[in-house]
Amino acid sequence: MKQLLFSKAELLDELGVAENTLRTLIDQRGFPRPRKMGAKLFWLIAEVADWLQSCPAAWCGSSEDGVNSV
């Protein structure tokens, strides 16, 4: 069966960001909020993928001229 969820640890690893950065993305950049099952937080992979598809070029690491923005 295909994986549908990211745990917090998996998401941080997949995005290559720290927990503080993840919180900032959620609070200021419209990143999907976690779902809660019991005491565990998780993210739907489809929601994360949709956000990444629509994210600004600077976050995605590309721009039209091929130079990464900061």
PDB file of N, CA and C in Angstrom:
ATOM      1  N   MET A   1       0.841  -1.189   0.000  1.00  0.00           N
ATOM      2  CA  MET A   1       0.000   0.000   0.000  1.00  0.00           C
ATOM      3  C   MET A   1       0.881   1.244   0.000  1.00  0.00           C
ATOM      4  N   LYS A   2       0.461   2.231  -0.768  1.00  0.00           N
ATOM      5  CA  LYS A   2       1.200   3.468  -0.881  1.00  0.00           C
ATOM      6  C   LYS A   2       1.046   4.301   0.399  1.00  0.00           C
ATOM      7  N   GLN A   3       2.130   4.935   0.836  1.00  0.00           N
ATOM      8  CA  GLN A   3       2.093   5.761   2.042  1.00  0.00           C
ATOM      9  C   GLN A   3       1.287   7.028   1.775  1.00  0.00           C
ATOM     10  N   LEU A   4       0.379   7.359   2.675  1.00  0.00           N
ATOM     11  CA  LEU A   4      -0.482   8.530   2.529  1.00  0.00           C
ATOM     12  C   LEU A   4      -0.156   9.634   3.522  1.00  0.00           C
ATOM     13  N   LEU A   5       0.627   9.309   4.553  1.00  0.00           N
ATOM     14  CA  LEU A   5       0.885  10.232   5.650  1.00  0.00           C
ATOM     15  C   LEU A   5       2.374  10.425   5.888  1.00  0.00           C
ATOM     16  N   PHE A   6       2.726  11.617   6.363  1.00  0.00           N
ATOM     17  CA  PHE A   6       4.063  11.903   6.876  1.00  0.00           C
ATOM     18  C   PHE A   6       3.943  12.116   8.372  1.00  0.00           C
ATOM     19  N   SER A   7       4.791  11.470   9.161  1.00  0.00           N
ATOM     20  CA  SER A   7       4.942  11.860  10.560  1.00  0.00           C
ATOM     21  C   SER A   7       5.752  13.153  10.571  1.00  0.00           C
ATOM     22  N   LYS A   8       5.837  13.812  11.716  1.00  0.00           N
ATOM     23  CA  LYS A   8       6.632  15.036  11.798  1.00  0.00           C
ATOM     24  C   LYS A   8       8.085  14.768  11.418  1.00  0.00           C
ATOM     25  N   ALA A   9       8.653  13.681  11.937  1.00  0.00           N
ATOM     26  CA  ALA A   9      10.045  13.353  11.636  1.00  0.00           C
ATOM     27  C   ALA A   9      10.252  13.110  10.144  1.00  0.00           C
ATOM     28  N   GLU A  10       9.322  12.384   9.531  1.00  0.00           N
ATOM     29  CA  GLU A  10       9.420  12.113   8.090  1.00  0.00           C
ATOM     30  C   GLU A  10       9.305  13.398   7.279  1.00  0.00           C
ATOM     31  N   LEU A  11       8.386  14.279   7.674  1.00  0.00           N
ATOM     32  CA  LEU A  11       8.189  15.535   6.958  1.00  0.00           C
ATOM     33  C   LEU A  11       9.421  16.430   7.060  1.00  0.00           C
ATOM     34  N   LEU A  12       9.959  16.559   8.266  1.00  0.00           N
ATOM     35  CA  LEU A  12      11.157  17.373   8.443  1.00  0.00           C
ATOM     36  C   LEU A  12      12.307  16.841   7.608  1.00  0.00           C
ATOM     37  N   ASP A  13      12.460  15.528   7.577  1.00  0.00           N
ATOM     38  CA  ASP A  13      13.519  14.906   6.786  1.00  0.00           C
ATOM     39  C   ASP A  13      13.279  15.123   5.292  1.00  0.00           C
ATOM     40  N   GLU A  14      12.055  14.932   4.851  1.00  0.00           N
ATOM     41  CA  GLU A  14      11.716  15.071   3.431  1.00  0.00           C
ATOM     42  C   GLU A  14      11.936  16.497   2.937  1.00  0.00           C
ATOM     43  N   LEU A  15      11.546  17.484   3.758  1.00  0.00           N
ATOM     44  CA  LEU A  15      11.712  18.887   3.378  1.00  0.00           C
ATOM     45  C   LEU A  15      13.120  19.404   3.647  1.00  0.00           C
ATOM     46  N   GLY A  16      13.849  18.737   4.533  1.00  0.00           N
ATOM     47  CA  GLY A  16      15.194  19.183   4.880  1.00  0.00           C
ATOM     48  C   GLY A  16      15.182  20.474   5.681  1.00  0.00           C
ATOM     49  N   VAL A  17      14.197  20.607   6.579  1.00  0.00           N
ATOM     50  CA  VAL A  17      14.091  21.820   7.399  1.00  0.00           C
ATOM     51  C   VAL A  17      14.048  21.442   8.875  1.00  0.00           C
ATOM     52  N   ALA A  18      14.283  22.434   9.717  1.00  0.00           N
ATOM     53  CA  ALA A  18      14.185  22.258  11.165  1.00  0.00           C
ATOM     54  C   ALA A  18      12.743  22.485  11.606  1.00  0.00           C
ATOM     55  N   GLU A  19      12.425  22.053  12.814  1.00  0.00           N
ATOM     56  CA  GLU A  19      11.071  22.201  13.344  1.00  0.00           C
ATOM     57  C   GLU A  19      10.627  23.664  13.398  1.00  0.00           C
ATOM     58  N   ASN A  20      11.533  24.574  13.749  1.00  0.00           N
ATOM     59  CA  ASN A  20      11.196  26.001  13.788  1.00  0.00           C
ATOM     60  C   ASN A  20      10.802  26.511  12.406  1.00  0.00           C
ATOM     61  N   THR A  21      11.498  26.046  11.384  1.00  0.00           N
ATOM     62  CA  THR A  21      11.171  26.443  10.016  1.00  0.00           C
ATOM     63  C   THR A  21       9.807  25.911   9.623  1.00  0.00           C
ATOM     64  N   LEU A  22       9.514  24.691  10.011  1.00  0.00           N
ATOM     65  CA  LEU A  22       8.204  24.113   9.718  1.00  0.00           C
ATOM     66  C   LEU A  22       7.101  24.957  10.363  1.00  0.00           C
ATOM     67  N   ARG A  23       7.305  25.356  11.617  1.00  0.00           N
ATOM     68  CA  ARG A  23       6.306  26.196  12.296  1.00  0.00           C
ATOM     69  C   ARG A  23       6.108  27.520  11.563  1.00  0.00           C
ATOM     70  N   THR A  24       7.200  28.108  11.100  1.00  0.00           N
ATOM     71  CA  THR A  24       7.118  29.360  10.348  1.00  0.00           C
ATOM     72  C   THR A  24       6.357  29.159   9.041  1.00  0.00           C
ATOM     73  N   LEU A  25       6.628  28.077   8.353  1.00  0.00           N
ATOM     74  CA  LEU A  25       5.913  27.789   7.107  1.00  0.00           C
ATOM     75  C   LEU A  25       4.409  27.667   7.349  1.00  0.00           C
ATOM     76  N   ILE A  26       4.047  27.011   8.426  1.00  0.00           N
ATOM     77  CA  ILE A  26       2.629  26.839   8.760  1.00  0.00           C
ATOM     78  C   ILE A  26       2.007  28.188   9.121  1.00  0.00           C
ATOM     79  N   ASP A  27       2.681  28.955   9.973  1.00  0.00           N
ATOM     80  CA  ASP A  27       2.125  30.212  10.476  1.00  0.00           C
ATOM     81  C   ASP A  27       2.129  31.345   9.450  1.00  0.00           C
ATOM     82  N   GLN A  28       3.147  31.377   8.562  1.00  0.00           N
ATOM     83  CA  GLN A  28       3.317  32.543   7.694  1.00  0.00           C
ATOM     84  C   GLN A  28       3.232  32.241   6.204  1.00  0.00           C
ATOM     85  N   ARG A  29       3.338  30.989   5.813  1.00  0.00           N
ATOM     86  CA  ARG A  29       3.424  30.671   4.384  1.00  0.00           C
ATOM     87  C   ARG A  29       2.305  29.775   3.874  1.00  0.00           C
ATOM     88  N   GLY A  30       1.319  29.508   4.712  1.00  0.00           N
ATOM     89  CA  GLY A  30       0.188  28.717   4.252  1.00  0.00           C
ATOM     90  C   GLY A  30       0.444  27.225   4.113  1.00  0.00           C
ATOM     91  N   PHE A  31       1.520  26.745   4.740  1.00  0.00           N
ATOM     92  CA  PHE A  31       1.804  25.312   4.695  1.00  0.00           C
ATOM     93  C   PHE A  31       0.677  24.566   5.410  1.00  0.00           C
ATOM     94  N   PRO A  32       0.305  23.387   4.923  1.00  0.00           N
ATOM     95  CA  PRO A  32      -0.799  22.639   5.562  1.00  0.00           C
ATOM     96  C   PRO A  32      -0.556  22.403   7.049  1.00  0.00           C
ATOM     97  N   ARG A  33      -1.607  22.571   7.809  1.00  0.00           N
ATOM     98  CA  ARG A  33      -1.536  22.298   9.254  1.00  0.00           C
ATOM     99  C   ARG A  33      -1.581  20.789   9.473  1.00  0.00           C
ATOM    100  N   PRO A  34      -0.968  20.335  10.551  1.00  0.00           N
ATOM    101  CA  PRO A  34      -0.985  18.887  10.823  1.00  0.00           C
ATOM    102  C   PRO A  34      -2.364  18.413  11.256  1.00  0.00           C
ATOM    103  N   ARG A  35      -2.596  17.151  11.042  1.00  0.00           N
ATOM    104  CA  ARG A  35      -3.781  16.467  11.566  1.00  0.00           C
ATOM    105  C   ARG A  35      -3.330  15.783  12.845  1.00  0.00           C
ATOM    106  N   LYS A  36      -4.271  15.452  13.699  1.00  0.00           N
ATOM    107  CA  LYS A  36      -3.921  14.820  14.963  1.00  0.00           C
ATOM    108  C   LYS A  36      -4.671  13.505  15.085  1.00  0.00           C
ATOM    109  N   MET A  37      -3.931  12.470  15.441  1.00  0.00           N
ATOM    110  CA  MET A  37      -4.520  11.162  15.718  1.00  0.00           C
ATOM    111  C   MET A  37      -3.969  10.736  17.073  1.00  0.00           C
ATOM    112  N   GLY A  38      -4.812  10.801  18.094  1.00  0.00           N
ATOM    113  CA  GLY A  38      -4.323  10.566  19.445  1.00  0.00           C
ATOM    114  C   GLY A  38      -3.372  11.693  19.804  1.00  0.00           C
ATOM    115  N   ALA A  39      -2.175  11.336  20.241  1.00  0.00           N
ATOM    116  CA  ALA A  39      -1.170  12.329  20.602  1.00  0.00           C
ATOM    117  C   ALA A  39      -0.217  12.627  19.442  1.00  0.00           C
ATOM    118  N   LYS A  40      -0.360  11.936  18.326  1.00  0.00           N
ATOM    119  CA  LYS A  40       0.575  12.078  17.200  1.00  0.00           C
ATOM    120  C   LYS A  40       0.064  13.063  16.163  1.00  0.00           C
ATOM    121  N   LEU A  41       1.010  13.825  15.609  1.00  0.00           N
ATOM    122  CA  LEU A  41       0.719  14.729  14.511  1.00  0.00           C
ATOM    123  C   LEU A  41       1.148  14.077  13.209  1.00  0.00           C
ATOM    124  N   PHE A  42       0.376  14.330  12.163  1.00  0.00           N
ATOM    125  CA  PHE A  42       0.767  13.829  10.849  1.00  0.00           C
ATOM    126  C   PHE A  42       0.236  14.759   9.770  1.00  0.00           C
ATOM    127  N   TRP A  43       0.836  14.673   8.579  1.00  0.00           N
ATOM    128  CA  TRP A  43       0.447  15.486   7.436  1.00  0.00           C
ATOM    129  C   TRP A  43       0.059  14.562   6.296  1.00  0.00           C
ATOM    130  N   LEU A  44      -0.963  14.948   5.552  1.00  0.00           N
ATOM    131  CA  LEU A  44      -1.346  14.201   4.366  1.00  0.00           C
ATOM    132  C   LEU A  44      -0.354  14.537   3.251  1.00  0.00           C
ATOM    133  N   ILE A  45       0.237  13.518   2.664  1.00  0.00           N
ATOM    134  CA  ILE A  45       1.229  13.726   1.613  1.00  0.00           C
ATOM    135  C   ILE A  45       0.636  14.533   0.464  1.00  0.00           C
ATOM    136  N   ALA A  46      -0.614  14.267   0.111  1.00  0.00           N
ATOM    137  CA  ALA A  46      -1.255  14.989  -0.994  1.00  0.00           C
ATOM    138  C   ALA A  46      -1.331  16.489  -0.721  1.00  0.00           C
ATOM    139  N   GLU A  47      -1.634  16.877   0.527  1.00  0.00           N
ATOM    140  CA  GLU A  47      -1.697  18.295   0.871  1.00  0.00           C
ATOM    141  C   GLU A  47      -0.321  18.951   0.805  1.00  0.00           C
ATOM    142  N   VAL A  48       0.701  18.239   1.266  1.00  0.00           N
ATOM    143  CA  VAL A  48       2.070  18.762   1.204  1.00  0.00           C
ATOM    144  C   VAL A  48       2.491  18.920  -0.257  1.00  0.00           C
ATOM    145  N   ALA A  49       2.200  17.918  -1.084  1.00  0.00           N
ATOM    146  CA  ALA A  49       2.558  17.969  -2.504  1.00  0.00           C
ATOM    147  C   ALA A  49       1.850  19.126  -3.200  1.00  0.00           C
ATOM    148  N   ASP A  50       0.570  19.340  -2.889  1.00  0.00           N
ATOM    149  CA  ASP A  50      -0.171  20.456  -3.478  1.00  0.00           C
ATOM    150  C   ASP A  50       0.450  21.791  -3.094  1.00  0.00           C
ATOM    151  N   TRP A  51       0.843  21.927  -1.821  1.00  0.00           N
ATOM    152  CA  TRP A  51       1.459  23.176  -1.373  1.00  0.00           C
ATOM    153  C   TRP A  51       2.782  23.394  -2.101  1.00  0.00           C
ATOM    154  N   LEU A  52       3.585  22.341  -2.215  1.00  0.00           N
ATOM    155  CA  LEU A  52       4.871  22.465  -2.900  1.00  0.00           C
ATOM    156  C   LEU A  52       4.690  22.840  -4.365  1.00  0.00           C
ATOM    157  N   GLN A  53       3.656  22.311  -5.008  1.00  0.00           N
ATOM    158  CA  GLN A  53       3.381  22.642  -6.406  1.00  0.00           C
ATOM    159  C   GLN A  53       3.057  24.130  -6.569  1.00  0.00           C
ATOM    160  N   SER A  54       2.413  24.712  -5.567  1.00  0.00           N
ATOM    161  CA  SER A  54       1.989  26.109  -5.670  1.00  0.00           C
ATOM    162  C   SER A  54       2.906  27.069  -4.919  1.00  0.00           C
ATOM    163  N   CYS A  55       3.995  26.566  -4.360  1.00  0.00           N
ATOM    164  CA  CYS A  55       4.848  27.409  -3.524  1.00  0.00           C
ATOM    165  C   CYS A  55       5.639  28.404  -4.365  1.00  0.00           C
ATOM    166  N   PRO A  56       6.104  29.484  -3.724  1.00  0.00           N
ATOM    167  CA  PRO A  56       6.918  30.469  -4.434  1.00  0.00           C
ATOM    168  C   PRO A  56       8.211  29.853  -4.944  1.00  0.00           C
ATOM    169  N   ALA A  57       8.698  30.366  -6.052  1.00  0.00           N
ATOM    170  CA  ALA A  57       9.924  29.844  -6.662  1.00  0.00           C
ATOM    171  C   ALA A  57      11.101  29.897  -5.695  1.00  0.00           C
ATOM    172  N   ALA A  58      11.165  30.911  -4.837  1.00  0.00           N
ATOM    173  CA  ALA A  58      12.289  31.028  -3.900  1.00  0.00           C
ATOM    174  C   ALA A  58      12.326  29.852  -2.937  1.00  0.00           C
ATOM    175  N   TRP A  59      11.144  29.387  -2.488  1.00  0.00           N
ATOM    176  CA  TRP A  59      11.127  28.244  -1.577  1.00  0.00           C
ATOM    177  C   TRP A  59      11.471  26.970  -2.323  1.00  0.00           C
ATOM    178  N   CYS A  60      10.966  26.826  -3.533  1.00  0.00           N
ATOM    179  CA  CYS A  60      11.162  25.599  -4.313  1.00  0.00           C
ATOM    180  C   CYS A  60      12.589  25.474  -4.833  1.00  0.00           C
ATOM    181  N   GLY A  61      13.356  26.542  -4.733  1.00  0.00           N
ATOM    182  CA  GLY A  61      14.751  26.462  -5.136  1.00  0.00           C
ATOM    183  C   GLY A  61      14.978  26.694  -6.609  1.00  0.00           C
ATOM    184  N   SER A  62      14.053  27.379  -7.282  1.00  0.00           N
ATOM    185  CA  SER A  62      14.259  27.675  -8.686  1.00  0.00           C
ATOM    186  C   SER A  62      13.665  29.034  -8.999  1.00  0.00           C
ATOM    187  N   SER A  63      14.125  29.584 -10.087  1.00  0.00           N
ATOM    188  CA  SER A  63      13.552  30.825 -10.594  1.00  0.00           C
ATOM    189  C   SER A  63      13.668  30.793 -12.106  1.00  0.00           C
ATOM    190  N   GLU A  64      13.060  31.739 -12.771  1.00  0.00           N
ATOM    191  CA  GLU A  64      13.052  31.722 -14.221  1.00  0.00           C
ATOM    192  C   GLU A  64      14.431  31.871 -14.815  1.00  0.00           C
ATOM    193  N   ASP A  65      15.316  32.609 -14.168  1.00  0.00           N
ATOM    194  CA  ASP A  65      16.657  32.805 -14.731  1.00  0.00           C
ATOM    195  C   ASP A  65      17.636  31.728 -14.277  1.00  0.00           C
ATOM    196  N   GLY A  66      17.147  30.759 -13.512  1.00  0.00           N
ATOM    197  CA  GLY A  66      17.997  29.653 -13.094  1.00  0.00           C
ATOM    198  C   GLY A  66      18.829  29.936 -11.867  1.00  0.00           C
ATOM    199  N   VAL A  67      18.663  31.104 -11.264  1.00  0.00           N
ATOM    200  CA  VAL A  67      19.410  31.469 -10.066  1.00  0.00           C
ATOM    201  C   VAL A  67      18.497  31.316  -8.879  1.00  0.00           C
ATOM    202  N   ASN A  68      18.965  30.642  -7.843  1.00  0.00           N
ATOM    203  CA  ASN A  68      18.170  30.470  -6.636  1.00  0.00           C
ATOM    204  C   ASN A  68      18.064  31.771  -5.871  1.00  0.00           C
ATOM    205  N   SER A  69      16.847  32.102  -5.462  1.00  0.00           N
ATOM    206  CA  SER A  69      16.607  33.309  -4.678  1.00  0.00           C
ATOM    207  C   SER A  69      16.745  33.003  -3.208  1.00  0.00           C
ATOM    208  N   VAL A  70      17.042  34.032  -2.405  1.00  0.00           N
ATOM    209  CA  VAL A  70      17.101  33.870  -0.952  1.00  0.00           C
ATOM    210  C   VAL A  70      16.079  34.765  -0.322  1.00  0.00           C
TER     211      VAL A  70
END
